[in-house]
N, C-alpha and C. Protein backbone atom coordinates (compact mmCIF):
# COMPACT_ATOMS: atom_id res chain seq x y z
N MET A 1 -19.68 -36.56 -16.77
CA MET A 1 -18.23 -36.99 -16.16
C MET A 1 -18.86 -37.04 -14.48
N THR A 2 -18.62 -38.13 -13.94
CA THR A 2 -18.58 -38.24 -12.38
C THR A 2 -17.31 -38.76 -11.79
N THR A 3 -17.09 -38.00 -10.77
CA THR A 3 -15.98 -38.40 -9.96
C THR A 3 -16.37 -38.89 -8.53
N SER A 4 -15.65 -40.26 -8.40
CA SER A 4 -15.98 -41.13 -7.24
C SER A 4 -15.74 -40.37 -5.79
N VAL A 5 -16.15 -40.74 -4.91
CA VAL A 5 -16.12 -40.24 -3.57
C VAL A 5 -14.52 -40.58 -3.11
N THR A 6 -14.35 -41.59 -3.45
CA THR A 6 -12.92 -42.18 -3.21
C THR A 6 -11.96 -41.46 -3.84
N GLN A 7 -11.98 -41.06 -5.11
CA GLN A 7 -11.04 -40.20 -5.91
C GLN A 7 -11.06 -38.75 -5.32
N ILE A 8 -12.10 -38.34 -4.93
CA ILE A 8 -12.25 -36.87 -4.05
C ILE A 8 -11.66 -36.80 -3.21
N ALA A 9 -11.88 -37.64 -2.17
CA ALA A 9 -11.03 -38.04 -0.93
C ALA A 9 -9.74 -37.84 -1.23
N ALA A 10 -9.04 -38.74 -2.16
CA ALA A 10 -7.76 -38.72 -2.23
C ALA A 10 -7.24 -37.50 -2.92
N GLU A 11 -8.13 -36.68 -3.53
CA GLU A 11 -7.47 -35.42 -4.19
C GLU A 11 -7.96 -34.20 -3.21
N LEU A 12 -8.42 -34.13 -2.27
CA LEU A 12 -9.21 -33.23 -1.45
C LEU A 12 -8.31 -32.11 -1.05
N ALA A 13 -6.96 -32.35 -0.82
CA ALA A 13 -6.12 -31.30 -0.44
C ALA A 13 -5.72 -30.50 -1.74
N ASP A 14 -5.34 -31.36 -2.73
CA ASP A 14 -5.34 -30.42 -4.12
C ASP A 14 -6.38 -29.66 -4.76
N ARG A 15 -7.56 -30.32 -4.44
CA ARG A 15 -8.71 -29.52 -4.93
C ARG A 15 -8.91 -28.33 -4.13
N GLU A 16 -8.69 -28.31 -2.83
CA GLU A 16 -8.79 -27.20 -2.02
C GLU A 16 -7.76 -26.15 -2.17
N ALA A 17 -6.58 -26.53 -2.53
CA ALA A 17 -5.54 -25.55 -2.93
C ALA A 17 -5.81 -24.78 -4.32
N ILE A 18 -6.49 -25.46 -5.16
CA ILE A 18 -6.74 -25.01 -6.31
C ILE A 18 -7.98 -24.10 -6.46
N ARG A 19 -8.92 -24.21 -5.33
CA ARG A 19 -10.04 -23.41 -5.04
C ARG A 19 -9.40 -22.27 -4.32
N GLU A 20 -8.63 -22.21 -3.24
CA GLU A 20 -7.75 -21.18 -2.78
C GLU A 20 -7.21 -20.39 -3.70
N CYS A 21 -6.44 -20.77 -4.85
CA CYS A 21 -5.96 -20.24 -5.79
C CYS A 21 -6.82 -19.27 -6.44
N LEU A 22 -7.80 -19.85 -6.79
CA LEU A 22 -8.84 -19.09 -7.64
C LEU A 22 -9.39 -17.98 -6.73
N TYR A 23 -9.84 -18.11 -5.38
CA TYR A 23 -10.05 -17.05 -4.53
C TYR A 23 -9.18 -15.78 -4.44
N ARG A 24 -7.67 -16.28 -4.38
CA ARG A 24 -6.66 -15.18 -4.40
C ARG A 24 -6.67 -14.36 -5.41
N TYR A 25 -6.97 -15.00 -6.69
CA TYR A 25 -7.20 -14.29 -7.68
C TYR A 25 -8.26 -13.23 -7.69
N ALA A 26 -9.44 -13.67 -7.23
CA ALA A 26 -10.56 -12.59 -7.03
C ALA A 26 -10.27 -11.64 -6.32
N ARG A 27 -9.49 -11.86 -4.90
CA ARG A 27 -9.22 -11.01 -4.29
C ARG A 27 -8.18 -10.06 -4.74
N GLY A 28 -7.26 -10.66 -5.16
CA GLY A 28 -6.22 -9.68 -5.94
C GLY A 28 -6.66 -8.70 -6.91
N VAL A 29 -7.43 -9.18 -7.67
CA VAL A 29 -8.05 -8.22 -8.68
C VAL A 29 -8.81 -7.18 -8.21
N ASP A 30 -9.77 -7.53 -7.29
CA ASP A 30 -10.70 -6.53 -6.69
C ASP A 30 -10.09 -5.62 -5.56
N ARG A 31 -9.17 -6.06 -5.07
CA ARG A 31 -8.44 -5.24 -4.04
C ARG A 31 -7.20 -4.35 -4.63
N LEU A 32 -6.88 -4.53 -5.97
CA LEU A 32 -5.84 -4.37 -6.86
C LEU A 32 -4.43 -4.70 -6.01
N ASP A 33 -4.41 -5.67 -5.47
CA ASP A 33 -3.25 -6.38 -4.71
C ASP A 33 -2.34 -7.05 -5.78
N ALA A 34 -1.37 -6.44 -6.41
CA ALA A 34 -0.62 -7.06 -7.24
C ALA A 34 0.15 -8.37 -6.79
N ASP A 35 0.55 -8.39 -5.42
CA ASP A 35 1.37 -9.49 -4.93
C ASP A 35 0.23 -10.69 -4.72
N MET A 36 -0.89 -10.30 -4.19
CA MET A 36 -1.97 -11.43 -4.29
C MET A 36 -2.31 -11.88 -5.53
N LEU A 37 -2.68 -11.10 -6.74
CA LEU A 37 -2.84 -11.60 -7.79
C LEU A 37 -1.67 -12.59 -8.47
N ARG A 38 -0.23 -11.97 -8.48
CA ARG A 38 0.73 -12.71 -8.86
C ARG A 38 0.70 -14.18 -8.05
N SER A 39 0.42 -14.36 -6.98
CA SER A 39 0.38 -15.40 -6.13
C SER A 39 -0.57 -16.74 -6.87
N ALA A 40 -1.31 -16.08 -7.59
CA ALA A 40 -2.49 -17.14 -8.41
C ALA A 40 -1.75 -17.68 -9.65
N TYR A 41 -0.90 -17.07 -10.23
CA TYR A 41 -0.20 -17.59 -11.48
C TYR A 41 1.37 -17.91 -11.33
N TRP A 42 1.66 -18.84 -12.28
CA TRP A 42 3.09 -19.14 -12.33
C TRP A 42 3.60 -18.12 -13.12
N PRO A 43 4.84 -17.51 -12.79
CA PRO A 43 5.55 -16.34 -13.57
C PRO A 43 5.56 -16.64 -15.03
N ASP A 44 5.29 -17.74 -15.46
CA ASP A 44 5.33 -18.17 -17.12
C ASP A 44 3.94 -18.20 -17.80
N ALA A 45 3.02 -18.04 -16.91
CA ALA A 45 1.60 -18.19 -17.29
C ALA A 45 1.08 -17.46 -18.35
N ILE A 46 0.12 -17.80 -19.06
CA ILE A 46 -0.40 -17.05 -20.15
C ILE A 46 -1.90 -16.81 -19.78
N ASP A 47 -2.28 -15.50 -19.76
CA ASP A 47 -3.72 -15.24 -19.80
C ASP A 47 -4.25 -14.61 -20.85
N THR A 48 -5.45 -15.18 -21.34
CA THR A 48 -6.26 -14.64 -22.56
C THR A 48 -7.59 -14.25 -22.00
N HIS A 49 -7.74 -12.69 -21.97
CA HIS A 49 -8.59 -12.14 -21.23
C HIS A 49 -9.33 -10.82 -22.04
N LEU A 50 -10.44 -11.10 -22.35
CA LEU A 50 -11.10 -10.17 -23.39
C LEU A 50 -10.29 -9.91 -24.51
N ASP A 51 -9.76 -8.64 -24.75
CA ASP A 51 -8.94 -8.39 -25.70
C ASP A 51 -7.32 -8.34 -25.62
N PHE A 52 -6.90 -8.90 -24.37
CA PHE A 52 -5.71 -9.02 -23.84
C PHE A 52 -5.13 -10.56 -23.96
N LYS A 53 -4.06 -10.67 -24.24
CA LYS A 53 -3.20 -12.02 -24.28
C LYS A 53 -1.68 -11.77 -23.90
N GLY A 54 -1.32 -12.40 -22.70
CA GLY A 54 0.28 -12.22 -22.18
C GLY A 54 0.26 -12.75 -20.93
N THR A 55 1.47 -12.56 -20.31
CA THR A 55 1.82 -13.12 -18.93
C THR A 55 1.00 -12.47 -17.98
N ALA A 56 1.34 -13.14 -16.73
CA ALA A 56 0.73 -12.48 -15.50
C ALA A 56 1.15 -11.16 -15.18
N GLU A 57 2.62 -10.87 -15.48
CA GLU A 57 2.97 -9.32 -15.16
C GLU A 57 2.32 -8.43 -16.19
N GLU A 58 1.99 -8.77 -17.39
CA GLU A 58 1.55 -8.16 -18.57
C GLU A 58 0.07 -7.90 -18.15
N PHE A 59 -0.56 -9.07 -17.84
CA PHE A 59 -2.00 -8.79 -17.19
C PHE A 59 -2.05 -7.66 -16.17
N ILE A 60 -1.23 -7.87 -15.19
CA ILE A 60 -1.35 -6.88 -14.06
C ILE A 60 -1.01 -5.40 -14.74
N ALA A 61 -0.01 -5.04 -15.64
CA ALA A 61 0.14 -3.90 -16.24
C ALA A 61 -1.11 -3.55 -16.99
N TRP A 62 -1.79 -4.37 -17.55
CA TRP A 62 -2.68 -3.98 -18.34
C TRP A 62 -4.15 -3.97 -17.70
N ALA A 63 -4.43 -4.75 -16.70
CA ALA A 63 -5.71 -4.74 -16.12
C ALA A 63 -5.63 -3.60 -14.88
N PHE A 64 -4.67 -3.29 -14.07
CA PHE A 64 -4.75 -2.56 -12.96
C PHE A 64 -4.92 -0.90 -13.26
N PRO A 65 -4.60 -0.36 -14.35
CA PRO A 65 -5.02 0.81 -14.91
C PRO A 65 -6.42 0.94 -15.17
N LEU A 66 -6.89 -0.05 -15.91
CA LEU A 66 -8.42 -0.22 -16.05
C LEU A 66 -9.11 -0.16 -14.89
N MET A 67 -8.91 -1.09 -13.83
CA MET A 67 -9.44 -1.26 -12.73
C MET A 67 -9.53 -0.02 -11.83
N LYS A 68 -8.24 0.87 -11.77
CA LYS A 68 -8.16 1.74 -10.79
C LYS A 68 -9.14 2.88 -11.48
N GLY A 69 -9.50 2.88 -12.74
CA GLY A 69 -10.55 3.94 -12.90
C GLY A 69 -12.01 3.60 -12.82
N MET A 70 -12.01 2.39 -12.16
CA MET A 70 -13.48 1.91 -11.64
C MET A 70 -13.62 2.28 -10.14
N ASP A 71 -14.86 2.82 -9.89
CA ASP A 71 -15.09 2.99 -8.40
C ASP A 71 -14.96 1.75 -7.67
N GLN A 72 -15.67 0.62 -7.77
CA GLN A 72 -15.72 -0.42 -7.09
C GLN A 72 -15.76 -1.65 -8.32
N THR A 73 -15.11 -2.89 -7.55
CA THR A 73 -15.28 -4.05 -8.53
C THR A 73 -15.45 -5.34 -7.56
N LEU A 74 -16.21 -6.28 -7.76
CA LEU A 74 -16.48 -7.47 -6.98
C LEU A 74 -16.56 -8.54 -7.89
N HIS A 75 -15.66 -9.45 -7.86
CA HIS A 75 -15.64 -10.81 -8.44
C HIS A 75 -16.19 -11.90 -7.60
N ILE A 76 -16.86 -12.68 -8.01
CA ILE A 76 -17.33 -13.90 -7.31
C ILE A 76 -17.01 -15.04 -8.31
N VAL A 77 -16.35 -16.19 -7.53
CA VAL A 77 -16.02 -17.41 -8.27
C VAL A 77 -16.99 -18.60 -7.92
N ALA A 78 -17.57 -19.40 -8.75
CA ALA A 78 -18.51 -20.36 -8.44
C ALA A 78 -18.48 -21.54 -9.35
N ASN A 79 -19.19 -22.63 -8.97
CA ASN A 79 -19.45 -23.70 -10.08
C ASN A 79 -18.03 -24.10 -10.41
N ILE A 80 -17.22 -24.59 -9.67
CA ILE A 80 -15.89 -24.96 -9.91
C ILE A 80 -15.99 -26.34 -10.19
N LEU A 81 -15.55 -26.73 -11.41
CA LEU A 81 -15.40 -28.12 -11.79
C LEU A 81 -14.00 -28.33 -12.13
N MET A 82 -13.17 -29.80 -11.83
CA MET A 82 -11.96 -29.84 -12.07
C MET A 82 -11.54 -31.21 -12.30
N THR A 83 -10.63 -31.67 -13.13
CA THR A 83 -10.22 -32.98 -13.29
C THR A 83 -8.76 -32.91 -13.02
N LEU A 84 -8.06 -33.53 -12.15
CA LEU A 84 -6.79 -33.61 -11.75
C LEU A 84 -6.21 -34.85 -12.46
N ARG A 85 -4.87 -34.32 -13.07
CA ARG A 85 -4.16 -35.67 -13.59
C ARG A 85 -2.77 -35.52 -13.47
N GLY A 86 -2.34 -35.99 -12.16
CA GLY A 86 -0.84 -35.86 -11.52
C GLY A 86 -0.79 -34.36 -11.17
N THR A 87 0.18 -33.78 -11.87
CA THR A 87 0.63 -32.35 -11.50
C THR A 87 -0.17 -31.41 -12.51
N ARG A 88 -0.98 -31.84 -13.09
CA ARG A 88 -1.88 -30.87 -14.09
C ARG A 88 -3.48 -30.96 -13.77
N ALA A 89 -4.09 -30.12 -13.81
CA ALA A 89 -5.61 -29.93 -13.69
C ALA A 89 -6.03 -28.99 -14.59
N ASP A 90 -7.23 -29.63 -15.30
CA ASP A 90 -8.23 -28.62 -16.03
C ASP A 90 -9.31 -28.29 -15.07
N VAL A 91 -9.51 -26.99 -14.99
CA VAL A 91 -10.52 -26.36 -14.21
C VAL A 91 -11.38 -25.37 -14.82
N GLU A 92 -12.72 -25.45 -14.59
CA GLU A 92 -13.65 -24.54 -15.20
C GLU A 92 -14.46 -24.00 -14.20
N SER A 93 -14.38 -22.57 -13.86
CA SER A 93 -15.05 -22.01 -12.97
C SER A 93 -15.80 -20.87 -13.65
N TYR A 94 -17.17 -20.61 -12.96
CA TYR A 94 -17.97 -19.56 -13.36
C TYR A 94 -17.52 -18.22 -12.55
N PHE A 95 -17.74 -17.08 -13.17
CA PHE A 95 -17.38 -15.93 -12.26
C PHE A 95 -18.50 -14.85 -12.72
N TYR A 96 -18.97 -14.07 -11.83
CA TYR A 96 -19.46 -12.86 -12.00
C TYR A 96 -18.72 -11.91 -11.50
N GLY A 97 -18.58 -10.71 -12.42
CA GLY A 97 -17.69 -9.41 -12.13
C GLY A 97 -18.81 -8.48 -12.16
N TYR A 98 -18.74 -7.60 -11.07
CA TYR A 98 -19.55 -6.39 -10.91
C TYR A 98 -18.56 -5.06 -10.78
N HIS A 99 -18.94 -4.21 -11.66
CA HIS A 99 -17.92 -3.11 -11.95
C HIS A 99 -18.96 -1.57 -11.54
N ARG A 100 -18.51 -0.80 -10.96
CA ARG A 100 -19.04 0.44 -10.72
C ARG A 100 -18.03 1.58 -11.61
N ILE A 101 -18.47 2.11 -12.72
CA ILE A 101 -17.73 2.93 -13.41
C ILE A 101 -18.20 4.29 -13.62
N SER A 102 -17.39 5.31 -14.40
CA SER A 102 -17.94 6.60 -14.48
C SER A 102 -17.59 6.79 -15.87
N VAL A 103 -18.62 7.40 -16.81
CA VAL A 103 -18.65 7.57 -18.15
C VAL A 103 -19.08 9.08 -18.31
N ASP A 104 -18.32 9.84 -18.76
CA ASP A 104 -18.74 11.35 -19.01
C ASP A 104 -19.44 11.83 -17.70
N GLY A 105 -18.71 11.33 -16.41
CA GLY A 105 -19.09 11.99 -15.26
C GLY A 105 -20.34 11.31 -14.36
N GLN A 106 -20.84 10.38 -15.35
CA GLN A 106 -22.13 9.54 -15.01
C GLN A 106 -21.62 8.19 -14.43
N LYS A 107 -22.36 7.84 -13.05
CA LYS A 107 -22.07 6.44 -12.66
C LYS A 107 -22.90 5.55 -13.33
N MET A 108 -22.26 4.35 -13.63
CA MET A 108 -22.99 3.35 -14.36
C MET A 108 -22.56 2.05 -13.65
N ASP A 109 -23.28 0.75 -13.69
CA ASP A 109 -22.87 -0.43 -13.34
C ASP A 109 -22.78 -1.34 -14.21
N VAL A 110 -21.82 -2.09 -14.57
CA VAL A 110 -21.62 -3.05 -15.57
C VAL A 110 -21.33 -4.56 -14.86
N ILE A 111 -22.05 -5.56 -15.36
CA ILE A 111 -21.93 -6.87 -14.68
C ILE A 111 -21.78 -7.80 -16.01
N GLY A 112 -20.55 -8.56 -15.85
CA GLY A 112 -20.28 -9.47 -16.62
C GLY A 112 -20.02 -10.75 -16.08
N SER A 113 -20.33 -11.90 -16.72
CA SER A 113 -20.28 -13.14 -16.24
C SER A 113 -19.81 -13.96 -17.27
N GLY A 114 -19.24 -15.26 -16.77
CA GLY A 114 -18.63 -16.11 -17.70
C GLY A 114 -17.88 -17.27 -17.04
N ARG A 115 -16.75 -17.71 -17.84
CA ARG A 115 -16.23 -18.99 -17.09
C ARG A 115 -14.65 -18.65 -17.35
N TYR A 116 -13.79 -19.11 -16.45
CA TYR A 116 -12.50 -19.04 -16.54
C TYR A 116 -12.08 -20.67 -16.93
N LEU A 117 -11.45 -20.75 -18.02
CA LEU A 117 -11.09 -21.82 -18.44
C LEU A 117 -9.59 -22.18 -18.18
N ASP A 118 -9.21 -22.82 -16.98
CA ASP A 118 -7.69 -22.83 -16.48
C ASP A 118 -7.07 -24.22 -16.44
N ARG A 119 -5.91 -24.24 -16.88
CA ARG A 119 -4.92 -25.30 -16.61
C ARG A 119 -4.08 -24.85 -15.78
N PHE A 120 -4.20 -25.65 -14.53
CA PHE A 120 -3.40 -25.54 -13.40
C PHE A 120 -2.28 -26.47 -13.40
N GLU A 121 -1.11 -26.06 -13.04
CA GLU A 121 0.14 -26.85 -12.57
C GLU A 121 0.47 -26.75 -11.29
N LYS A 122 0.90 -28.09 -10.68
CA LYS A 122 1.30 -28.15 -9.31
C LYS A 122 2.92 -28.47 -9.67
N ARG A 123 3.61 -27.38 -8.94
CA ARG A 123 5.02 -27.19 -9.10
C ARG A 123 5.39 -27.43 -7.58
N GLY A 124 6.29 -28.52 -7.29
CA GLY A 124 6.45 -28.43 -5.81
C GLY A 124 5.54 -28.78 -4.96
N ASP A 125 5.06 -28.06 -4.17
CA ASP A 125 3.86 -28.38 -3.29
C ASP A 125 2.82 -27.34 -3.53
N GLU A 126 2.79 -26.86 -4.62
CA GLU A 126 1.70 -25.55 -4.82
C GLU A 126 1.09 -25.55 -6.20
N TRP A 127 -0.11 -25.30 -6.25
CA TRP A 127 -0.92 -25.23 -7.45
C TRP A 127 -0.92 -23.73 -7.92
N ARG A 128 -0.83 -23.42 -9.18
CA ARG A 128 -1.39 -22.12 -9.73
C ARG A 128 -1.77 -22.34 -11.20
N ILE A 129 -2.29 -21.18 -11.57
CA ILE A 129 -2.73 -21.17 -12.97
C ILE A 129 -1.57 -21.02 -13.90
N ALA A 130 -1.49 -21.89 -14.75
CA ALA A 130 -0.39 -21.94 -16.06
C ALA A 130 -0.99 -21.43 -17.25
N GLU A 131 -2.26 -21.61 -17.39
CA GLU A 131 -2.85 -20.95 -18.77
C GLU A 131 -4.25 -20.73 -18.44
N ARG A 132 -4.77 -19.58 -18.74
CA ARG A 132 -6.23 -19.15 -18.69
C ARG A 132 -6.82 -18.56 -19.82
N LEU A 133 -8.12 -19.06 -20.30
CA LEU A 133 -8.71 -18.44 -21.29
C LEU A 133 -10.22 -18.02 -20.38
N VAL A 134 -10.42 -16.68 -20.65
CA VAL A 134 -11.69 -15.96 -20.13
C VAL A 134 -12.68 -16.14 -21.32
N MET A 135 -13.89 -16.96 -20.78
CA MET A 135 -14.97 -16.80 -21.73
C MET A 135 -16.06 -15.93 -21.21
N THR A 136 -16.60 -15.06 -22.00
CA THR A 136 -17.60 -14.22 -21.51
C THR A 136 -19.03 -15.00 -22.06
N ASP A 137 -19.77 -15.10 -21.00
CA ASP A 137 -21.22 -15.72 -21.48
C ASP A 137 -22.41 -14.69 -21.38
N TRP A 138 -22.05 -13.63 -20.59
CA TRP A 138 -23.25 -12.90 -20.44
C TRP A 138 -22.79 -11.55 -19.86
N PHE A 139 -23.42 -10.37 -20.13
CA PHE A 139 -23.08 -9.18 -19.63
C PHE A 139 -24.22 -8.20 -19.46
N ARG A 140 -24.29 -7.30 -18.76
CA ARG A 140 -25.39 -6.46 -18.77
C ARG A 140 -24.85 -4.84 -18.33
N GLN A 141 -25.10 -3.94 -18.99
CA GLN A 141 -24.65 -2.67 -18.85
C GLN A 141 -25.89 -1.62 -18.19
N TYR A 142 -25.90 -1.18 -17.24
CA TYR A 142 -26.82 -0.33 -16.82
C TYR A 142 -26.34 1.19 -16.93
N SER A 143 -27.38 2.08 -17.27
CA SER A 143 -27.20 3.39 -17.68
C SER A 143 -27.02 4.16 -16.29
N ASP A 144 -27.27 3.66 -15.29
CA ASP A 144 -27.25 4.47 -14.01
C ASP A 144 -26.63 3.44 -13.03
N SER A 145 -26.49 3.91 -11.67
CA SER A 145 -25.96 3.18 -10.44
C SER A 145 -26.68 3.46 -9.47
N ALA A 146 -26.59 2.67 -8.39
CA ALA A 146 -27.22 3.35 -7.04
C ALA A 146 -26.90 4.70 -6.57
N ASN A 147 -27.35 5.24 -5.81
CA ASN A 147 -26.89 6.29 -5.21
C ASN A 147 -26.07 6.15 -4.02
N TRP A 148 -24.88 6.00 -3.93
CA TRP A 148 -24.01 5.39 -2.98
C TRP A 148 -23.80 6.63 -1.86
N ASP A 149 -24.22 7.92 -2.13
CA ASP A 149 -24.18 8.79 -1.17
C ASP A 149 -25.21 8.70 -0.11
N ALA A 150 -26.46 8.09 -0.51
CA ALA A 150 -27.54 7.84 0.23
C ALA A 150 -27.38 6.62 1.23
N GLY A 151 -26.51 5.77 0.84
CA GLY A 151 -26.17 4.47 1.50
C GLY A 151 -27.20 3.44 1.11
N LEU A 152 -26.72 2.30 1.89
CA LEU A 152 -27.42 1.17 1.56
C LEU A 152 -28.74 1.19 2.56
N LEU A 153 -29.84 0.97 1.76
CA LEU A 153 -31.20 1.16 2.53
C LEU A 153 -31.44 2.50 3.30
N GLY A 154 -30.73 3.45 2.94
CA GLY A 154 -30.63 4.68 3.57
C GLY A 154 -29.57 4.94 4.55
N LYS A 155 -28.84 3.96 4.89
CA LYS A 155 -27.95 4.09 6.02
C LYS A 155 -26.36 4.18 5.31
N ARG A 156 -25.81 5.05 5.85
CA ARG A 156 -24.32 5.40 5.45
C ARG A 156 -23.66 4.28 5.88
N ILE A 157 -22.69 3.93 4.90
CA ILE A 157 -21.91 2.57 5.30
C ILE A 157 -20.33 2.99 4.62
N ASP A 158 -19.49 2.26 5.24
CA ASP A 158 -18.25 2.15 4.77
C ASP A 158 -17.81 1.21 3.72
N ILE A 159 -17.61 1.50 2.52
CA ILE A 159 -17.55 0.72 1.49
C ILE A 159 -15.91 0.03 1.54
N GLY A 160 -15.85 -1.16 0.89
CA GLY A 160 -14.45 -1.78 0.61
C GLY A 160 -13.56 -0.83 0.04
N LYS A 161 -12.33 -0.94 0.08
CA LYS A 161 -11.29 -0.09 -0.37
C LYS A 161 -10.25 -1.05 -1.02
N ARG A 162 -9.33 -0.57 -1.77
CA ARG A 162 -8.20 -1.15 -2.56
C ARG A 162 -7.03 -1.19 -1.44
N TYR A 163 -6.02 -2.11 -2.09
CA TYR A 163 -4.79 -2.33 -1.17
C TYR A 163 -4.13 -1.07 -1.23
N PRO A 164 -3.54 -0.50 -0.09
CA PRO A 164 -3.62 -1.27 1.30
C PRO A 164 -4.54 -0.59 2.16
N ASP A 165 -5.49 0.26 1.68
CA ASP A 165 -6.36 0.92 2.50
C ASP A 165 -7.70 0.09 3.09
N ASP A 166 -7.99 -1.21 2.31
CA ASP A 166 -9.11 -1.88 2.76
C ASP A 166 -8.82 -2.36 4.33
N PRO A 167 -9.90 -2.40 5.16
CA PRO A 167 -9.53 -2.86 6.60
C PRO A 167 -9.23 -4.29 6.66
N SER A 168 -9.48 -5.14 5.54
CA SER A 168 -8.98 -6.44 5.75
C SER A 168 -7.39 -6.57 5.86
N TYR A 169 -6.65 -5.80 5.51
CA TYR A 169 -5.28 -5.70 5.65
C TYR A 169 -4.76 -5.40 7.08
N THR A 170 -5.53 -4.70 7.75
CA THR A 170 -5.10 -4.62 9.14
C THR A 170 -5.90 -5.49 10.23
N VAL A 171 -7.00 -5.85 9.81
CA VAL A 171 -7.92 -6.88 10.79
C VAL A 171 -7.70 -8.30 10.50
N LEU A 172 -7.29 -8.78 9.34
CA LEU A 172 -7.00 -10.11 8.84
C LEU A 172 -5.50 -10.26 8.46
N ASP A 173 -4.94 -11.51 8.62
CA ASP A 173 -3.58 -11.75 8.18
C ASP A 173 -4.01 -13.05 7.10
N LEU A 174 -3.95 -12.51 5.82
CA LEU A 174 -4.39 -13.40 4.80
C LEU A 174 -3.05 -13.84 3.93
N GLY A 175 -2.09 -13.31 4.31
CA GLY A 175 -0.67 -13.61 3.92
C GLY A 175 -0.46 -13.18 2.43
């Protein structure tokens, strides 16, 4: 499948709005910012995610307690392909999810990757996820984690935090 330059130019604003929505999802899930996460879904959206299937609100209620039990998470969205058809779009995005967790007091790292298979809808002047299917293509569980007390390359660092304590909420105005 190839999309012409002319077609991409005509769709550029819609494509960028869809990309921004995907990035809001990643930020919302990593910062545990429920309002940011909600802004990525239509209220009647359905998400099928690992062993979960339900609405966006049900997803937040399911995912946030799990994520709060993790020390850190980082989701990266890449390789975004989309086909726009009026007010609907089919979008495949690759993701990497990095998770630092504790199991029986031992810190370990879990990395999962795969694809978000999304059906987006444009309602009014806004694109959001209407339906999502998460496909896991790869994962790796490490029996340990870096010594975060020693810092990055032996340098003590401040690490990112969750909503509202992350510095981005006071330094930036991301809406």
